[in-house]
C-alpha atoms as a PDB file:
ATOM      1  CA  MET A   1     -65.292  69.242 -23.564  1.00  0.00           C
ATOM      2  CA  ARG A   2     -64.725  70.489 -27.106  1.00  0.00           C
ATOM      3  CA  LYS A   3     -67.380  69.830 -29.734  1.00  0.00           C
ATOM      4  CA  ARG A   4     -65.192  67.667 -31.962  1.00  0.00           C
ATOM      5  CA  THR A   5     -64.056  65.612 -28.985  1.00  0.00           C
ATOM      6  CA  LYS A   6     -67.695  65.015 -28.037  1.00  0.00           C
ATOM      7  CA  ALA A   7     -68.466  64.149 -31.654  1.00  0.00           C
ATOM      8  CA  ARG A   8     -65.619  61.617 -31.795  1.00  0.00           C
ATOM      9  CA  GLU A   9     -66.821  59.969 -28.586  1.00  0.00           C
ATOM     10  CA  ASN A  10     -70.351  59.753 -29.990  1.00  0.00           C
ATOM     11  CA  ALA A  11     -68.985  58.381 -33.271  1.00  0.00           C
ATOM     12  CA  LEU A  12     -67.097  55.699 -31.322  1.00  0.00           C
ATOM     13  CA  LYS A  13     -70.292  54.647 -29.561  1.00  0.00           C
ATOM     14  CA  ILE A  14     -72.192  54.442 -32.849  1.00  0.00           C
ATOM     15  CA  LEU A  15     -69.380  52.530 -34.595  1.00  0.00           C
ATOM     16  CA  TYR A  16     -69.250  50.170 -31.608  1.00  0.00           C
ATOM     17  CA  ALA A  17     -72.990  49.506 -31.993  1.00  0.00           C
ATOM     18  CA  ILE A  18     -72.569  48.871 -35.723  1.00  0.00           C
ATOM     19  CA  ASP A  19     -69.668  46.496 -35.066  1.00  0.00           C
ATOM     20  CA  ILE A  20     -71.489  44.552 -32.332  1.00  0.00           C
ATOM     21  CA  THR A  21     -74.940  44.365 -33.930  1.00  0.00           C
ATOM     22  CA  GLY A  22     -74.005  44.270 -37.605  1.00  0.00           C
ATOM     23  CA  GLY A  23     -76.608  46.993 -38.111  1.00  0.00           C
ATOM     24  CA  GLU A  24     -76.733  49.464 -40.956  1.00  0.00           C
ATOM     25  CA  PRO A  25     -74.884  52.725 -40.220  1.00  0.00           C
ATOM     26  CA  LYS A  26     -77.835  55.051 -40.875  1.00  0.00           C
ATOM     27  CA  GLU A  27     -80.163  52.917 -38.761  1.00  0.00           C
ATOM     28  CA  CYS A  28     -77.668  52.796 -35.868  1.00  0.00           C
ATOM     29  CA  ILE A  29     -77.151  56.565 -36.122  1.00  0.00           C
ATOM     30  CA  ASP A  30     -80.902  57.207 -35.962  1.00  0.00           C
ATOM     31  CA  ILE A  31     -81.381  54.907 -32.967  1.00  0.00           C
ATOM     32  CA  TYR A  32     -78.395  56.407 -31.161  1.00  0.00           C
ATOM     33  CA  TRP A  33     -79.544  60.020 -31.536  1.00  0.00           C
ATOM     34  CA  ARG A  34     -83.127  59.159 -30.537  1.00  0.00           C
ATOM     35  CA  GLU A  35     -81.785  57.793 -27.249  1.00  0.00           C
ATOM     36  CA  SER A  36     -79.097  60.453 -26.759  1.00  0.00           C
ATOM     37  CA  GLU A  37     -79.407  63.670 -24.811  1.00  0.00           C
ATOM     38  CA  GLU A  38     -77.044  65.466 -27.207  1.00  0.00           C
ATOM     39  CA  LYS A  39     -78.672  68.587 -28.634  1.00  0.00           C
ATOM     40  CA  ASP A  40     -75.740  70.298 -30.383  1.00  0.00           C
ATOM     41  CA  GLN A  41     -76.208  69.978 -34.146  1.00  0.00           C
ATOM     42  CA  GLU A  42     -72.493  70.558 -34.849  1.00  0.00           C
ATOM     43  CA  VAL A  43     -71.572  67.627 -32.621  1.00  0.00           C
ATOM     44  CA  LYS A  44     -74.179  65.435 -34.310  1.00  0.00           C
ATOM     45  CA  ALA A  45     -73.131  66.473 -37.818  1.00  0.00           C
ATOM     46  CA  PHE A  46     -69.427  65.782 -37.237  1.00  0.00           C
ATOM     47  CA  ALA A  47     -70.156  62.460 -35.506  1.00  0.00           C
ATOM     48  CA  ASP A  48     -72.453  61.424 -38.375  1.00  0.00           C
ATOM     49  CA  SER A  49     -69.830  62.344 -40.965  1.00  0.00           C
ATOM     50  CA  LEU A  50     -67.211  60.268 -39.128  1.00  0.00           C
ATOM     51  CA  VAL A  51     -69.521  57.260 -38.844  1.00  0.00           C
ATOM     52  CA  LEU A  52     -70.727  57.379 -42.442  1.00  0.00           C
ATOM     53  CA  GLY A  53     -67.272  58.109 -43.860  1.00  0.00           C
ATOM     54  CA  THR A  54     -65.678  55.357 -41.800  1.00  0.00           C
ATOM     55  CA  SER A  55     -68.427  52.916 -42.759  1.00  0.00           C
ATOM     56  CA  ASN A  56     -68.190  53.764 -46.461  1.00  0.00           C
ATOM     57  CA  LYS A  57     -64.397  53.292 -46.491  1.00  0.00           C
ATOM     58  CA  LYS A  58     -64.295  50.418 -43.985  1.00  0.00           C
ATOM     59  CA  LYS A  59     -62.685  47.811 -46.268  1.00  0.00           C
ATOM     60  CA  GLU A  60     -59.910  50.181 -47.293  1.00  0.00           C
ATOM     61  CA  ILE A  61     -59.402  51.395 -43.725  1.00  0.00           C
ATOM     62  CA  ASP A  62     -59.356  47.862 -42.288  1.00  0.00           C
ATOM     63  CA  LYS A  63     -56.733  46.810 -44.836  1.00  0.00           C
ATOM     64  CA  ILE A  64     -54.513  49.750 -43.864  1.00  0.00           C
ATOM     65  CA  ILE A  65     -54.974  49.102 -40.132  1.00  0.00           C
ATOM     66  CA  SER A  66     -54.175  45.410 -40.616  1.00  0.00           C
ATOM     67  CA  GLY A  67     -50.981  46.315 -42.451  1.00  0.00           C
ATOM     68  CA  SER A  68     -49.951  48.770 -39.749  1.00  0.00           C
ATOM     69  CA  ALA A  69     -50.850  46.757 -36.639  1.00  0.00           C
ATOM     70  CA  THR A  70     -47.886  44.417 -36.566  1.00  0.00           C
ATOM     71  CA  ASN A  71     -48.743  40.956 -35.220  1.00  0.00           C
ATOM     72  CA  TRP A  72     -52.402  41.893 -34.687  1.00  0.00           C
ATOM     73  CA  GLN A  73     -55.408  40.606 -36.581  1.00  0.00           C
ATOM     74  CA  LEU A  74     -58.262  43.083 -36.818  1.00  0.00           C
ATOM     75  CA  GLY A  75     -60.799  40.579 -35.490  1.00  0.00           C
ATOM     76  CA  ARG A  76     -58.679  39.904 -32.392  1.00  0.00           C
ATOM     77  CA  MET A  77     -58.441  43.571 -31.384  1.00  0.00           C
ATOM     78  CA  ALA A  78     -60.650  44.923 -28.636  1.00  0.00           C
ATOM     79  CA  VAL A  79     -63.828  46.319 -30.203  1.00  0.00           C
ATOM     80  CA  ILE A  80     -63.185  49.766 -28.694  1.00  0.00           C
ATOM     81  CA  ASP A  81     -59.598  49.893 -30.003  1.00  0.00           C
ATOM     82  CA  ARG A  82     -60.630  48.662 -33.444  1.00  0.00           C
ATOM     83  CA  ASN A  83     -63.281  51.352 -33.814  1.00  0.00           C
ATOM     84  CA  ILE A  84     -61.079  54.151 -32.506  1.00  0.00           C
ATOM     85  CA  LEU A  85     -58.490  53.084 -35.075  1.00  0.00           C
ATOM     86  CA  ARG A  86     -61.143  53.053 -37.793  1.00  0.00           C
ATOM     87  CA  PHE A  87     -62.458  56.566 -37.289  1.00  0.00           C
ATOM     88  CA  ALA A  88     -58.984  57.997 -36.660  1.00  0.00           C
ATOM     89  CA  ALA A  89     -57.606  56.278 -39.772  1.00  0.00           C
ATOM     90  CA  TYR A  90     -60.559  57.717 -41.701  1.00  0.00           C
ATOM     91  CA  GLU A  91     -59.587  61.199 -40.481  1.00  0.00           C
ATOM     92  CA  LEU A  92     -55.914  60.660 -41.357  1.00  0.00           C
ATOM     93  CA  LEU A  93     -56.697  59.338 -44.822  1.00  0.00           C
ATOM     94  CA  PHE A  94     -59.676  61.410 -45.922  1.00  0.00           C
ATOM     95  CA  ALA A  95     -60.062  64.550 -43.757  1.00  0.00           C
ATOM     96  CA  ASP A  96     -57.476  66.985 -45.067  1.00  0.00           C
ATOM     97  CA  ASP A  97     -58.783  69.790 -42.835  1.00  0.00           C
ATOM     98  CA  ILE A  98     -57.742  68.006 -39.618  1.00  0.00           C
ATOM     99  CA  PRO A  99     -54.032  67.998 -38.723  1.00  0.00           C
ATOM    100  CA  PRO A 100     -52.717  64.434 -38.191  1.00  0.00           C
ATOM    101  CA  LYS A 101     -51.335  65.357 -34.775  1.00  0.00           C
ATOM    102  CA  VAL A 102     -54.815  66.434 -33.621  1.00  0.00           C
ATOM    103  CA  THR A 103     -56.392  63.213 -34.890  1.00  0.00           C
ATOM    104  CA  ILE A 104     -53.774  61.031 -33.204  1.00  0.00           C
ATOM    105  CA  ASN A 105     -53.878  62.908 -29.876  1.00  0.00           C
ATOM    106  CA  GLU A 106     -57.684  62.830 -29.773  1.00  0.00           C
ATOM    107  CA  ALA A 107     -57.706  59.095 -30.544  1.00  0.00           C
ATOM    108  CA  ILE A 108     -55.157  58.415 -27.790  1.00  0.00           C
ATOM    109  CA  ASP A 109     -57.185  60.421 -25.255  1.00  0.00           C
ATOM    110  CA  ILE A 110     -60.387  58.591 -26.184  1.00  0.00           C
ATOM    111  CA  ALA A 111     -58.564  55.247 -25.979  1.00  0.00           C
ATOM    112  CA  LYS A 112     -57.356  56.102 -22.481  1.00  0.00           C
ATOM    113  CA  ARG A 113     -60.923  56.979 -21.458  1.00  0.00           C
ATOM    114  CA  TYR A 114     -62.742  54.032 -23.054  1.00  0.00           C
ATOM    115  CA  GLY A 115     -60.113  51.325 -23.581  1.00  0.00           C
ATOM    116  CA  ASP A 116     -57.906  49.350 -21.250  1.00  0.00           C
ATOM    117  CA  ASN A 117     -54.544  50.290 -19.735  1.00  0.00           C
ATOM    118  CA  GLU A 118     -52.592  49.600 -22.926  1.00  0.00           C
ATOM    119  CA  SER A 119     -55.076  51.044 -25.429  1.00  0.00           C
ATOM    120  CA  GLY A 120     -53.481  54.499 -25.616  1.00  0.00           C
ATOM    121  CA  LYS A 121     -50.049  53.089 -26.457  1.00  0.00           C
ATOM    122  CA  PHE A 122     -51.498  50.638 -28.969  1.00  0.00           C
ATOM    123  CA  ILE A 123     -53.576  53.309 -30.731  1.00  0.00           C
ATOM    124  CA  ASN A 124     -50.591  55.668 -30.802  1.00  0.00           C
ATOM    125  CA  GLY A 125     -48.305  53.061 -32.365  1.00  0.00           C
ATOM    126  CA  VAL A 126     -50.724  52.024 -35.102  1.00  0.00           C
ATOM    127  CA  LEU A 127     -51.833  55.556 -36.025  1.00  0.00           C
ATOM    128  CA  ASP A 128     -48.264  56.829 -36.009  1.00  0.00           C
ATOM    129  CA  LYS A 129     -47.315  54.120 -38.505  1.00  0.00           C
ATOM    130  CA  ILE A 130     -50.330  54.887 -40.695  1.00  0.00           C
ATOM    131  CA  ASN A 131     -49.480  58.598 -40.612  1.00  0.00           C
ATOM    132  CA  LYS A 132     -45.829  57.974 -41.521  1.00  0.00           C
ATOM    133  CA  ASP A 133     -46.876  55.711 -44.395  1.00  0.00           C
ATOM    134  CA  ILE A 134     -49.247  58.412 -45.689  1.00  0.00           C
ATOM    135  CA  ALA A 135     -46.500  61.041 -45.453  1.00  0.00           C
ATOM    136  CA  LYS A 136     -44.104  58.791 -47.417  1.00  0.00           C
ATOM    137  CA  LYS A 137     -46.672  58.374 -50.198  1.00  0.00           C
ATOM    138  CA  LYS A 138     -47.302  62.137 -50.374  1.00  0.00           C
ATOM    139  CA  VAL A 139     -43.574  62.843 -50.757  1.00  0.00           C
ATOM    140  CA  LYS A 140     -43.200  60.445 -53.712  1.00  0.00           C
END
């Protein structure tokens, strides 16, 4: 498994813990890595940057997801789907070094692994809309 894929999966697990417990991001990160067997510092660094970036921009990200997830309230989404959307939206909006297609494909693959049968399609639809909306704004 590629390092960034591993990092995204770890970031999902940390974001899930934050969402469920209401814990502080840095505290949840510290607890997670203490209990993890992950040794690769690159994986840890990228996962940490995703978690902290997503957490710092959560209100803005949640507003964009809510506007793009037609007929879905953020609080009614599956916790896994919601957090995949959050970190992927963070990448789309704030990580200029990652191609949107890579972000979307990685998020879909993770959704298929950790979500339910429809998660991949749902994640794809929402992220595709977010990406198209970003592209429209960049053209203007």
